[in-house]
Amino acid sequence: MSLRSSAERWKKAVGHAFAMPSEKPLSDEQKEWLQKLAHKVCERNLTAPALLMLESLRPLGFVSSQAVVFFKPIVSLVFPPERCDEVAALLENRSALESLAEVIEECDRRKGRTQ
């Protein structure tokens, strides 16, 4: 057995250990929910703080989703448990946070044109 073949077998055995799952595209329901959230942010003139928060949370999206899952028993006293699952799924998806930021920016641009 050569050193090369054992290294190749080792790489094949653990090569998937650090692989990231592929991103799922957002569903129509998720896109609609993000639109509503973005419009509420714009209505309250919270565009800058919301974008700052989204940019700072981007690297911690998965950790945030797990925090939602962890606190689900407590949060479900105020919100429906299904909503907690939806929020956790959105936070896991990196494209969701990017999409929300884009929608907030677009809403802010349109609001600036009408004023």
PDB file of N, CA and C in Angstrom:
ATOM      1  N   MET A   1       0.853  -1.171   0.000  1.00  0.00           N
ATOM      2  CA  MET A   1       0.000   0.000   0.000  1.00  0.00           C
ATOM      3  C   MET A   1       0.899   1.235   0.000  1.00  0.00           C
ATOM      4  N   SER A   2       0.668   2.073  -0.953  1.00  0.00           N
ATOM      5  CA  SER A   2       1.506   3.267  -1.062  1.00  0.00           C
ATOM      6  C   SER A   2       0.917   4.401  -0.229  1.00  0.00           C
ATOM      7  N   LEU A   3       1.771   5.358   0.039  1.00  0.00           N
ATOM      8  CA  LEU A   3       1.349   6.526   0.803  1.00  0.00           C
ATOM      9  C   LEU A   3       0.285   7.312   0.048  1.00  0.00           C
ATOM     10  N   ARG A   4       0.440   7.356  -1.271  1.00  0.00           N
ATOM     11  CA  ARG A   4      -0.515   8.096  -2.099  1.00  0.00           C
ATOM     12  C   ARG A   4      -1.908   7.484  -2.030  1.00  0.00           C
ATOM     13  N   SER A   5      -2.016   6.177  -2.109  1.00  0.00           N
ATOM     14  CA  SER A   5      -3.338   5.534  -2.091  1.00  0.00           C
ATOM     15  C   SER A   5      -4.005   5.698  -0.724  1.00  0.00           C
ATOM     16  N   SER A   6      -3.224   5.643   0.372  1.00  0.00           N
ATOM     17  CA  SER A   6      -3.846   5.828   1.686  1.00  0.00           C
ATOM     18  C   SER A   6      -4.304   7.271   1.873  1.00  0.00           C
ATOM     19  N   ALA A   7      -3.567   8.229   1.342  1.00  0.00           N
ATOM     20  CA  ALA A   7      -3.982   9.633   1.418  1.00  0.00           C
ATOM     21  C   ALA A   7      -5.246   9.856   0.605  1.00  0.00           C
ATOM     22  N   GLU A   8      -5.334   9.235  -0.538  1.00  0.00           N
ATOM     23  CA  GLU A   8      -6.535   9.372  -1.373  1.00  0.00           C
ATOM     24  C   GLU A   8      -7.743   8.745  -0.694  1.00  0.00           C
ATOM     25  N   ARG A   9      -7.557   7.586  -0.055  1.00  0.00           N
ATOM     26  CA  ARG A   9      -8.667   6.947   0.655  1.00  0.00           C
ATOM     27  C   ARG A   9      -9.119   7.812   1.834  1.00  0.00           C
ATOM     28  N   TRP A  10      -8.156   8.398   2.545  1.00  0.00           N
ATOM     29  CA  TRP A  10      -8.488   9.264   3.669  1.00  0.00           C
ATOM     30  C   TRP A  10      -9.260  10.491   3.196  1.00  0.00           C
ATOM     31  N   LYS A  11      -8.797  11.099   2.104  1.00  0.00           N
ATOM     32  CA  LYS A  11      -9.473  12.273   1.558  1.00  0.00           C
ATOM     33  C   LYS A  11     -10.881  11.923   1.111  1.00  0.00           C
ATOM     34  N   LYS A  12     -11.043  10.763   0.506  1.00  0.00           N
ATOM     35  CA  LYS A  12     -12.365  10.333   0.061  1.00  0.00           C
ATOM     36  C   LYS A  12     -13.288  10.076   1.249  1.00  0.00           C
ATOM     37  N   ALA A  13     -12.733   9.561   2.347  1.00  0.00           N
ATOM     38  CA  ALA A  13     -13.541   9.227   3.522  1.00  0.00           C
ATOM     39  C   ALA A  13     -14.012  10.463   4.273  1.00  0.00           C
ATOM     40  N   VAL A  14     -13.190  11.499   4.371  1.00  0.00           N
ATOM     41  CA  VAL A  14     -13.552  12.661   5.175  1.00  0.00           C
ATOM     42  C   VAL A  14     -13.712  13.931   4.344  1.00  0.00           C
ATOM     43  N   GLY A  15     -13.666  13.821   3.045  1.00  0.00           N
ATOM     44  CA  GLY A  15     -13.768  15.000   2.179  1.00  0.00           C
ATOM     45  C   GLY A  15     -15.082  15.737   2.312  1.00  0.00           C
ATOM     46  N   HIS A  16     -16.124  15.038   2.674  1.00  0.00           N
ATOM     47  CA  HIS A  16     -17.448  15.650   2.799  1.00  0.00           C
ATOM     48  C   HIS A  16     -17.684  16.271   4.175  1.00  0.00           C
ATOM     49  N   ALA A  17     -16.755  16.080   5.105  1.00  0.00           N
ATOM     50  CA  ALA A  17     -16.963  16.516   6.490  1.00  0.00           C
ATOM     51  C   ALA A  17     -17.192  18.016   6.614  1.00  0.00           C
ATOM     52  N   PHE A  18     -16.540  18.803   5.780  1.00  0.00           N
ATOM     53  CA  PHE A  18     -16.651  20.251   5.884  1.00  0.00           C
ATOM     54  C   PHE A  18     -17.388  20.862   4.697  1.00  0.00           C
ATOM     55  N   ALA A  19     -18.096  20.046   3.959  1.00  0.00           N
ATOM     56  CA  ALA A  19     -18.836  20.538   2.804  1.00  0.00           C
ATOM     57  C   ALA A  19     -20.064  21.319   3.261  1.00  0.00           C
ATOM     58  N   MET A  20     -20.330  22.423   2.594  1.00  0.00           N
ATOM     59  CA  MET A  20     -21.506  23.231   2.897  1.00  0.00           C
ATOM     60  C   MET A  20     -22.679  22.743   2.053  1.00  0.00           C
ATOM     61  N   PRO A  21     -23.877  22.666   2.631  1.00  0.00           N
ATOM     62  CA  PRO A  21     -25.034  22.248   1.834  1.00  0.00           C
ATOM     63  C   PRO A  21     -25.359  23.314   0.795  1.00  0.00           C
ATOM     64  N   SER A  22     -25.940  22.870  -0.296  1.00  0.00           N
ATOM     65  CA  SER A  22     -26.300  23.827  -1.347  1.00  0.00           C
ATOM     66  C   SER A  22     -27.506  24.644  -0.899  1.00  0.00           C
ATOM     67  N   GLU A  23     -27.558  25.876  -1.363  1.00  0.00           N
ATOM     68  CA  GLU A  23     -28.646  26.786  -0.991  1.00  0.00           C
ATOM     69  C   GLU A  23     -29.924  26.393  -1.722  1.00  0.00           C
ATOM     70  N   LYS A  24     -31.022  26.420  -0.992  1.00  0.00           N
ATOM     71  CA  LYS A  24     -32.321  26.182  -1.603  1.00  0.00           C
ATOM     72  C   LYS A  24     -32.868  27.521  -2.069  1.00  0.00           C
ATOM     73  N   PRO A  25     -33.507  27.551  -3.228  1.00  0.00           N
ATOM     74  CA  PRO A  25     -34.130  28.810  -3.647  1.00  0.00           C
ATOM     75  C   PRO A  25     -35.299  29.147  -2.725  1.00  0.00           C
ATOM     76  N   LEU A  26     -35.555  30.434  -2.591  1.00  0.00           N
ATOM     77  CA  LEU A  26     -36.649  30.874  -1.730  1.00  0.00           C
ATOM     78  C   LEU A  26     -37.985  30.514  -2.355  1.00  0.00           C
ATOM     79  N   SER A  27     -38.911  30.075  -1.525  1.00  0.00           N
ATOM     80  CA  SER A  27     -40.254  29.777  -2.013  1.00  0.00           C
ATOM     81  C   SER A  27     -41.016  31.089  -2.200  1.00  0.00           C
ATOM     82  N   ASP A  28     -42.130  31.014  -2.894  1.00  0.00           N
ATOM     83  CA  ASP A  28     -42.958  32.204  -3.108  1.00  0.00           C
ATOM     84  C   ASP A  28     -43.476  32.750  -1.776  1.00  0.00           C
ATOM     85  N   GLU A  29     -43.811  31.857  -0.863  1.00  0.00           N
ATOM     86  CA  GLU A  29     -44.303  32.279   0.453  1.00  0.00           C
ATOM     87  C   GLU A  29     -43.204  33.015   1.222  1.00  0.00           C
ATOM     88  N   GLN A  30     -41.970  32.516   1.149  1.00  0.00           N
ATOM     89  CA  GLN A  30     -40.857  33.180   1.827  1.00  0.00           C
ATOM     90  C   GLN A  30     -40.580  34.546   1.210  1.00  0.00           C
ATOM     91  N   LYS A  31     -40.643  34.627  -0.118  1.00  0.00           N
ATOM     92  CA  LYS A  31     -40.428  35.913  -0.791  1.00  0.00           C
ATOM     93  C   LYS A  31     -41.497  36.918  -0.387  1.00  0.00           C
ATOM     94  N   GLU A  32     -42.738  36.459  -0.288  1.00  0.00           N
ATOM     95  CA  GLU A  32     -43.833  37.338   0.117  1.00  0.00           C
ATOM     96  C   GLU A  32     -43.633  37.816   1.550  1.00  0.00           C
ATOM     97  N   TRP A  33     -43.200  36.917   2.430  1.00  0.00           N
ATOM     98  CA  TRP A  33     -42.967  37.273   3.821  1.00  0.00           C
ATOM     99  C   TRP A  33     -41.835  38.299   3.925  1.00  0.00           C
ATOM    100  N   LEU A  34     -40.773  38.141   3.128  1.00  0.00           N
ATOM    101  CA  LEU A  34     -39.669  39.099   3.120  1.00  0.00           C
ATOM    102  C   LEU A  34     -40.114  40.458   2.585  1.00  0.00           C
ATOM    103  N   GLN A  35     -41.001  40.447   1.580  1.00  0.00           N
ATOM    104  CA  GLN A  35     -41.538  41.704   1.039  1.00  0.00           C
ATOM    105  C   GLN A  35     -42.303  42.462   2.120  1.00  0.00           C
ATOM    106  N   LYS A  36     -43.165  41.752   2.848  1.00  0.00           N
ATOM    107  CA  LYS A  36     -43.949  42.395   3.907  1.00  0.00           C
ATOM    108  C   LYS A  36     -43.044  42.972   4.985  1.00  0.00           C
ATOM    109  N   LEU A  37     -42.038  42.203   5.376  1.00  0.00           N
ATOM    110  CA  LEU A  37     -41.102  42.658   6.391  1.00  0.00           C
ATOM    111  C   LEU A  37     -40.341  43.893   5.923  1.00  0.00           C
ATOM    112  N   ALA A  38     -39.904  43.884   4.669  1.00  0.00           N
ATOM    113  CA  ALA A  38     -39.164  45.027   4.128  1.00  0.00           C
ATOM    114  C   ALA A  38     -40.036  46.275   4.081  1.00  0.00           C
ATOM    115  N   HIS A  39     -41.294  46.128   3.695  1.00  0.00           N
ATOM    116  CA  HIS A  39     -42.181  47.291   3.629  1.00  0.00           C
ATOM    117  C   HIS A  39     -42.464  47.857   5.029  1.00  0.00           C
ATOM    118  N   LYS A  40     -42.569  46.992   6.021  1.00  0.00           N
ATOM    119  CA  LYS A  40     -42.765  47.488   7.387  1.00  0.00           C
ATOM    120  C   LYS A  40     -41.534  48.244   7.872  1.00  0.00           C
ATOM    121  N   VAL A  41     -40.349  47.755   7.502  1.00  0.00           N
ATOM    122  CA  VAL A  41     -39.107  48.442   7.872  1.00  0.00           C
ATOM    123  C   VAL A  41     -39.073  49.820   7.217  1.00  0.00           C
ATOM    124  N   CYS A  42     -39.446  49.899   5.946  1.00  0.00           N
ATOM    125  CA  CYS A  42     -39.436  51.175   5.226  1.00  0.00           C
ATOM    126  C   CYS A  42     -40.471  52.144   5.794  1.00  0.00           C
ATOM    127  N   GLU A  43     -41.641  51.650   6.122  1.00  0.00           N
ATOM    128  CA  GLU A  43     -42.694  52.505   6.674  1.00  0.00           C
ATOM    129  C   GLU A  43     -42.247  53.170   7.976  1.00  0.00           C
ATOM    130  N   ARG A  44     -41.451  52.471   8.740  1.00  0.00           N
ATOM    131  CA  ARG A  44     -41.002  52.991  10.035  1.00  0.00           C
ATOM    132  C   ARG A  44     -39.672  53.744   9.937  1.00  0.00           C
ATOM    133  N   ASN A  45     -39.188  53.955   8.720  1.00  0.00           N
ATOM    134  CA  ASN A  45     -37.919  54.661   8.479  1.00  0.00           C
ATOM    135  C   ASN A  45     -36.748  54.010   9.220  1.00  0.00           C
ATOM    136  N   LEU A  46     -36.693  52.689   9.182  1.00  0.00           N
ATOM    137  CA  LEU A  46     -35.622  51.942   9.841  1.00  0.00           C
ATOM    138  C   LEU A  46     -34.697  51.270   8.832  1.00  0.00           C
ATOM    139  N   THR A  47     -34.574  51.852   7.663  1.00  0.00           N
ATOM    140  CA  THR A  47     -33.784  51.232   6.608  1.00  0.00           C
ATOM    141  C   THR A  47     -32.320  51.085   7.008  1.00  0.00           C
ATOM    142  N   ALA A  48     -31.696  52.154   7.459  1.00  0.00           N
ATOM    143  CA  ALA A  48     -30.267  52.099   7.801  1.00  0.00           C
ATOM    144  C   ALA A  48     -29.987  51.123   8.948  1.00  0.00           C
ATOM    145  N   PRO A  49     -30.728  51.188  10.061  1.00  0.00           N
ATOM    146  CA  PRO A  49     -30.460  50.215  11.123  1.00  0.00           C
ATOM    147  C   PRO A  49     -30.717  48.761  10.692  1.00  0.00           C
ATOM    148  N   ALA A  50     -31.742  48.559   9.877  1.00  0.00           N
ATOM    149  CA  ALA A  50     -32.046  47.204   9.421  1.00  0.00           C
ATOM    150  C   ALA A  50     -30.934  46.666   8.526  1.00  0.00           C
ATOM    151  N   LEU A  51     -30.429  47.497   7.615  1.00  0.00           N
ATOM    152  CA  LEU A  51     -29.348  47.055   6.738  1.00  0.00           C
ATOM    153  C   LEU A  51     -28.073  46.792   7.534  1.00  0.00           C
ATOM    154  N   LEU A  52     -27.802  47.622   8.524  1.00  0.00           N
ATOM    155  CA  LEU A  52     -26.632  47.404   9.377  1.00  0.00           C
ATOM    156  C   LEU A  52     -26.758  46.083  10.130  1.00  0.00           C
ATOM    157  N   MET A  53     -27.933  45.816  10.656  1.00  0.00           N
ATOM    158  CA  MET A  53     -28.162  44.574  11.371  1.00  0.00           C
ATOM    159  C   MET A  53     -28.018  43.367  10.443  1.00  0.00           C
ATOM    160  N   LEU A  54     -28.581  43.459   9.236  1.00  0.00           N
ATOM    161  CA  LEU A  54     -28.492  42.351   8.289  1.00  0.00           C
ATOM    162  C   LEU A  54     -27.050  42.064   7.893  1.00  0.00           C
ATOM    163  N   GLU A  55     -26.276  43.122   7.672  1.00  0.00           N
ATOM    164  CA  GLU A  55     -24.875  42.932   7.308  1.00  0.00           C
ATOM    165  C   GLU A  55     -24.085  42.316   8.452  1.00  0.00           C
ATOM    166  N   SER A  56     -24.391  42.704   9.679  1.00  0.00           N
ATOM    167  CA  SER A  56     -23.652  42.151  10.813  1.00  0.00           C
ATOM    168  C   SER A  56     -24.096  40.727  11.139  1.00  0.00           C
ATOM    169  N   LEU A  57     -25.338  40.368  10.831  1.00  0.00           N
ATOM    170  CA  LEU A  57     -25.835  39.018  11.099  1.00  0.00           C
ATOM    171  C   LEU A  57     -25.486  38.017  10.013  1.00  0.00           C
ATOM    172  N   ARG A  58     -25.084  38.486   8.855  1.00  0.00           N
ATOM    173  CA  ARG A  58     -24.847  37.578   7.734  1.00  0.00           C
ATOM    174  C   ARG A  58     -23.916  36.426   8.092  1.00  0.00           C
ATOM    175  N   PRO A  59     -22.764  36.657   8.731  1.00  0.00           N
ATOM    176  CA  PRO A  59     -21.901  35.512   9.059  1.00  0.00           C
ATOM    177  C   PRO A  59     -22.487  34.601  10.149  1.00  0.00           C
ATOM    178  N   LEU A  60     -23.431  35.103  10.910  1.00  0.00           N
ATOM    179  CA  LEU A  60     -23.999  34.332  12.014  1.00  0.00           C
ATOM    180  C   LEU A  60     -25.397  33.803  11.717  1.00  0.00           C
ATOM    181  N   GLY A  61     -25.755  33.726  10.455  1.00  0.00           N
ATOM    182  CA  GLY A  61     -27.104  33.303  10.086  1.00  0.00           C
ATOM    183  C   GLY A  61     -27.464  31.934  10.626  1.00  0.00           C
ATOM    184  N   PHE A  62     -26.567  30.971  10.467  1.00  0.00           N
ATOM    185  CA  PHE A  62     -26.876  29.621  10.930  1.00  0.00           C
ATOM    186  C   PHE A  62     -26.971  29.579  12.449  1.00  0.00           C
ATOM    187  N   VAL A  63     -26.069  30.265  13.134  1.00  0.00           N
ATOM    188  CA  VAL A  63     -26.100  30.296  14.602  1.00  0.00           C
ATOM    189  C   VAL A  63     -27.403  30.953  15.068  1.00  0.00           C
ATOM    190  N   SER A  64     -27.811  32.019  14.382  1.00  0.00           N
ATOM    191  CA  SER A  64     -29.074  32.688  14.731  1.00  0.00           C
ATOM    192  C   SER A  64     -30.260  31.755  14.534  1.00  0.00           C
ATOM    193  N   SER A  65     -30.231  30.977  13.456  1.00  0.00           N
ATOM    194  CA  SER A  65     -31.338  30.049  13.224  1.00  0.00           C
ATOM    195  C   SER A  65     -31.408  28.997  14.323  1.00  0.00           C
ATOM    196  N   GLN A  66     -30.248  28.558  14.799  1.00  0.00           N
ATOM    197  CA  GLN A  66     -30.249  27.578  15.877  1.00  0.00           C
ATOM    198  C   GLN A  66     -30.708  28.190  17.192  1.00  0.00           C
ATOM    199  N   ALA A  67     -30.440  29.479  17.382  1.00  0.00           N
ATOM    200  CA  ALA A  67     -30.946  30.171  18.577  1.00  0.00           C
ATOM    201  C   ALA A  67     -32.471  30.246  18.545  1.00  0.00           C
ATOM    202  N   VAL A  68     -33.037  30.481  17.362  1.00  0.00           N
ATOM    203  CA  VAL A  68     -34.498  30.507  17.227  1.00  0.00           C
ATOM    204  C   VAL A  68     -35.068  29.137  17.576  1.00  0.00           C
ATOM    205  N   VAL A  69     -34.423  28.085  17.087  1.00  0.00           N
ATOM    206  CA  VAL A  69     -34.884  26.726  17.397  1.00  0.00           C
ATOM    207  C   VAL A  69     -34.769  26.452  18.898  1.00  0.00           C
ATOM    208  N   PHE A  70     -33.678  26.885  19.507  1.00  0.00           N
ATOM    209  CA  PHE A  70     -33.466  26.657  20.940  1.00  0.00           C
ATOM    210  C   PHE A  70     -34.527  27.365  21.781  1.00  0.00           C
ATOM    211  N   PHE A  71     -34.841  28.618  21.426  1.00  0.00           N
ATOM    212  CA  PHE A  71     -35.805  29.394  22.201  1.00  0.00           C
ATOM    213  C   PHE A  71     -37.247  29.224  21.719  1.00  0.00           C
ATOM    214  N   LYS A  72     -37.475  28.305  20.812  1.00  0.00           N
ATOM    215  CA  LYS A  72     -38.810  28.089  20.258  1.00  0.00           C
ATOM    216  C   LYS A  72     -39.869  27.835  21.335  1.00  0.00           C
ATOM    217  N   PRO A  73     -39.602  27.038  22.374  1.00  0.00           N
ATOM    218  CA  PRO A  73     -40.646  26.840  23.392  1.00  0.00           C
ATOM    219  C   PRO A  73     -41.093  28.134  24.066  1.00  0.00           C
ATOM    220  N   ILE A  74     -40.176  29.057  24.252  1.00  0.00           N
ATOM    221  CA  ILE A  74     -40.521  30.321  24.896  1.00  0.00           C
ATOM    222  C   ILE A  74     -41.172  31.274  23.897  1.00  0.00           C
ATOM    223  N   VAL A  75     -40.579  31.366  22.715  1.00  0.00           N
ATOM    224  CA  VAL A  75     -41.085  32.291  21.690  1.00  0.00           C
ATOM    225  C   VAL A  75     -42.466  31.854  21.198  1.00  0.00           C
ATOM    226  N   SER A  76     -42.718  30.545  21.217  1.00  0.00           N
ATOM    227  CA  SER A  76     -44.008  30.060  20.728  1.00  0.00           C
ATOM    228  C   SER A  76     -45.170  30.444  21.638  1.00  0.00           C
ATOM    229  N   LEU A  77     -44.873  30.991  22.806  1.00  0.00           N
ATOM    230  CA  LEU A  77     -45.945  31.528  23.651  1.00  0.00           C
ATOM    231  C   LEU A  77     -46.523  32.804  23.051  1.00  0.00           C
ATOM    232  N   VAL A  78     -45.697  33.519  22.265  1.00  0.00           N
ATOM    233  CA  VAL A  78     -46.119  34.779  21.656  1.00  0.00           C
ATOM    234  C   VAL A  78     -46.454  34.586  20.176  1.00  0.00           C
ATOM    235  N   PHE A  79     -45.625  33.821  19.477  1.00  0.00           N
ATOM    236  CA  PHE A  79     -45.802  33.592  18.040  1.00  0.00           C
ATOM    237  C   PHE A  79     -46.151  32.126  17.797  1.00  0.00           C
ATOM    238  N   PRO A  80     -46.834  31.846  16.693  1.00  0.00           N
ATOM    239  CA  PRO A  80     -47.136  30.440  16.382  1.00  0.00           C
ATOM    240  C   PRO A  80     -45.845  29.650  16.140  1.00  0.00           C
ATOM    241  N   PRO A  81     -45.788  28.393  16.577  1.00  0.00           N
ATOM    242  CA  PRO A  81     -44.578  27.587  16.381  1.00  0.00           C
ATOM    243  C   PRO A  81     -44.172  27.454  14.909  1.00  0.00           C
ATOM    244  N   GLU A  82     -45.154  27.458  14.013  1.00  0.00           N
ATOM    245  CA  GLU A  82     -44.840  27.354  12.587  1.00  0.00           C
ATOM    246  C   GLU A  82     -44.035  28.563  12.120  1.00  0.00           C
ATOM    247  N   ARG A  83     -44.342  29.729  12.668  1.00  0.00           N
ATOM    248  CA  ARG A  83     -43.621  30.954  12.307  1.00  0.00           C
ATOM    249  C   ARG A  83     -42.166  30.863  12.762  1.00  0.00           C
ATOM    250  N   CYS A  84     -41.940  30.276  13.930  1.00  0.00           N
ATOM    251  CA  CYS A  84     -40.569  30.097  14.424  1.00  0.00           C
ATOM    252  C   CYS A  84     -39.775  29.205  13.470  1.00  0.00           C
ATOM    253  N   ASP A  85     -40.410  28.148  12.974  1.00  0.00           N
ATOM    254  CA  ASP A  85     -39.738  27.264  12.026  1.00  0.00           C
ATOM    255  C   ASP A  85     -39.417  27.994  10.729  1.00  0.00           C
ATOM    256  N   GLU A  86     -40.350  28.839  10.277  1.00  0.00           N
ATOM    257  CA  GLU A  86     -40.120  29.605   9.049  1.00  0.00           C
ATOM    258  C   GLU A  86     -38.958  30.583   9.222  1.00  0.00           C
ATOM    259  N   VAL A  87     -38.901  31.259  10.352  1.00  0.00           N
ATOM    260  CA  VAL A  87     -37.816  32.210  10.615  1.00  0.00           C
ATOM    261  C   VAL A  87     -36.483  31.478  10.687  1.00  0.00           C
ATOM    262  N   ALA A  88     -36.461  30.319  11.343  1.00  0.00           N
ATOM    263  CA  ALA A  88     -35.225  29.539  11.431  1.00  0.00           C
ATOM    264  C   ALA A  88     -34.764  29.105  10.036  1.00  0.00           C
ATOM    265  N   ALA A  89     -35.703  28.671   9.201  1.00  0.00           N
ATOM    266  CA  ALA A  89     -35.343  28.256   7.838  1.00  0.00           C
ATOM    267  C   ALA A  89     -34.810  29.438   7.027  1.00  0.00           C
ATOM    268  N   LEU A  90     -35.398  30.610   7.204  1.00  0.00           N
ATOM    269  CA  LEU A  90     -34.918  31.794   6.491  1.00  0.00           C
ATOM    270  C   LEU A  90     -33.519  32.198   6.946  1.00  0.00           C
ATOM    271  N   LEU A  91     -33.273  32.147   8.236  1.00  0.00           N
ATOM    272  CA  LEU A  91     -31.959  32.537   8.745  1.00  0.00           C
ATOM    273  C   LEU A  91     -30.864  31.572   8.295  1.00  0.00           C
ATOM    274  N   GLU A  92     -31.209  30.315   8.110  1.00  0.00           N
ATOM    275  CA  GLU A  92     -30.234  29.340   7.626  1.00  0.00           C
ATOM    276  C   GLU A  92     -29.815  29.625   6.196  1.00  0.00           C
ATOM    277  N   ASN A  93     -30.724  30.178   5.424  1.00  0.00           N
ATOM    278  CA  ASN A  93     -30.483  30.406   4.007  1.00  0.00           C
ATOM    279  C   ASN A  93     -29.780  31.746   3.808  1.00  0.00           C
ATOM    280  N   ARG A  94     -28.537  31.716   3.366  1.00  0.00           N
ATOM    281  CA  ARG A  94     -27.768  32.955   3.181  1.00  0.00           C
ATOM    282  C   ARG A  94     -28.401  33.873   2.150  1.00  0.00           C
ATOM    283  N   SER A  95     -29.010  33.306   1.140  1.00  0.00           N
ATOM    284  CA  SER A  95     -29.613  34.137   0.104  1.00  0.00           C
ATOM    285  C   SER A  95     -30.838  34.888   0.616  1.00  0.00           C
ATOM    286  N   ALA A  96     -31.465  34.408   1.687  1.00  0.00           N
ATOM    287  CA  ALA A  96     -32.646  35.082   2.238  1.00  0.00           C
ATOM    288  C   ALA A  96     -32.263  36.432   2.826  1.00  0.00           C
ATOM    289  N   LEU A  97     -31.161  36.474   3.576  1.00  0.00           N
ATOM    290  CA  LEU A  97     -30.729  37.740   4.167  1.00  0.00           C
ATOM    291  C   LEU A  97     -30.314  38.727   3.077  1.00  0.00           C
ATOM    292  N   GLU A  98     -29.640  38.231   2.043  1.00  0.00           N
ATOM    293  CA  GLU A  98     -29.241  39.085   0.926  1.00  0.00           C
ATOM    294  C   GLU A  98     -30.472  39.610   0.199  1.00  0.00           C
ATOM    295  N   SER A  99     -31.447  38.743  -0.008  1.00  0.00           N
ATOM    296  CA  SER A  99     -32.683  39.133  -0.680  1.00  0.00           C
ATOM    297  C   SER A  99     -33.443  40.173   0.133  1.00  0.00           C
ATOM    298  N   LEU A 100     -33.503  39.995   1.441  1.00  0.00           N
ATOM    299  CA  LEU A 100     -34.183  40.963   2.305  1.00  0.00           C
ATOM    300  C   LEU A 100     -33.502  42.319   2.232  1.00  0.00           C
ATOM    301  N   ALA A 101     -32.179  42.338   2.248  1.00  0.00           N
ATOM    302  CA  ALA A 101     -31.445  43.608   2.151  1.00  0.00           C
ATOM    303  C   ALA A 101     -31.739  44.297   0.818  1.00  0.00           C
ATOM    304  N   GLU A 102     -31.775  43.529  -0.262  1.00  0.00           N
ATOM    305  CA  GLU A 102     -32.073  44.108  -1.579  1.00  0.00           C
ATOM    306  C   GLU A 102     -33.478  44.691  -1.627  1.00  0.00           C
ATOM    307  N   VAL A 103     -34.434  43.987  -1.058  1.00  0.00           N
ATOM    308  CA  VAL A 103     -35.822  44.464  -1.068  1.00  0.00           C
ATOM    309  C   VAL A 103     -35.948  45.732  -0.219  1.00  0.00           C
ATOM    310  N   ILE A 104     -35.262  45.774   0.911  1.00  0.00           N
ATOM    311  CA  ILE A 104     -35.305  46.975   1.757  1.00  0.00           C
ATOM    312  C   ILE A 104     -34.694  48.160   1.018  1.00  0.00           C
ATOM    313  N   GLU A 105     -33.560  47.943   0.356  1.00  0.00           N
ATOM    314  CA  GLU A 105     -32.920  49.026  -0.405  1.00  0.00           C
ATOM    315  C   GLU A 105     -33.815  49.518  -1.537  1.00  0.00           C
ATOM    316  N   GLU A 106     -34.461  48.595  -2.247  1.00  0.00           N
ATOM    317  CA  GLU A 106     -35.354  48.973  -3.342  1.00  0.00           C
ATOM    318  C   GLU A 106     -36.556  49.752  -2.816  1.00  0.00           C
ATOM    319  N   CYS A 107     -37.106  49.315  -1.710  1.00  0.00           N
ATOM    320  CA  CYS A 107     -38.247  50.014  -1.095  1.00  0.00           C
ATOM    321  C   CYS A 107     -37.838  51.431  -0.678  1.00  0.00           C
ATOM    322  N   ASP A 108     -36.648  51.545  -0.129  1.00  0.00           N
ATOM    323  CA  ASP A 108     -36.146  52.858   0.294  1.00  0.00           C
ATOM    324  C   ASP A 108     -35.935  53.774  -0.901  1.00  0.00           C
ATOM    325  N   ARG A 109     -35.427  53.230  -2.001  1.00  0.00           N
ATOM    326  CA  ARG A 109     -35.242  54.042  -3.227  1.00  0.00           C
ATOM    327  C   ARG A 109     -36.581  54.551  -3.763  1.00  0.00           C
ATOM    328  N   ARG A 110     -37.579  53.639  -3.791  1.00  0.00           N
ATOM    329  CA  ARG A 110     -38.897  54.056  -4.267  1.00  0.00           C
ATOM    330  C   ARG A 110     -39.520  55.097  -3.335  1.00  0.00           C
ATOM    331  N   LYS A 111     -39.313  54.931  -2.056  1.00  0.00           N
ATOM    332  CA  LYS A 111     -39.857  55.889  -1.088  1.00  0.00           C
ATOM    333  C   LYS A 111     -39.190  57.262  -1.256  1.00  0.00           C
ATOM    334  N   GLY A 112     -37.891  57.253  -1.541  1.00  0.00           N
ATOM    335  CA  GLY A 112     -37.174  58.501  -1.764  1.00  0.00           C
ATOM    336  C   GLY A 112     -37.641  59.230  -3.004  1.00  0.00           C
ATOM    337  N   ARG A 113     -38.063  58.507  -4.021  1.00  0.00           N
ATOM    338  CA  ARG A 113     -38.556  59.134  -5.263  1.00  0.00           C
ATOM    339  C   ARG A 113     -39.907  59.795  -5.058  1.00  0.00           C
ATOM    340  N   THR A 114     -40.729  59.217  -4.164  1.00  0.00           N
ATOM    341  CA  THR A 114     -42.080  59.753  -3.977  1.00  0.00           C
ATOM    342  C   THR A 114     -42.108  60.945  -3.027  1.00  0.00           C
ATOM    343  N   GLN A 115     -41.059  61.139  -2.256  1.00  0.00           N
ATOM    344  CA  GLN A 115     -41.070  62.244  -1.303  1.00  0.00           C
ATOM    345  C   GLN A 115     -40.610  63.527  -1.944  1.00  0.00           C
TER     346      GLN A 115
END
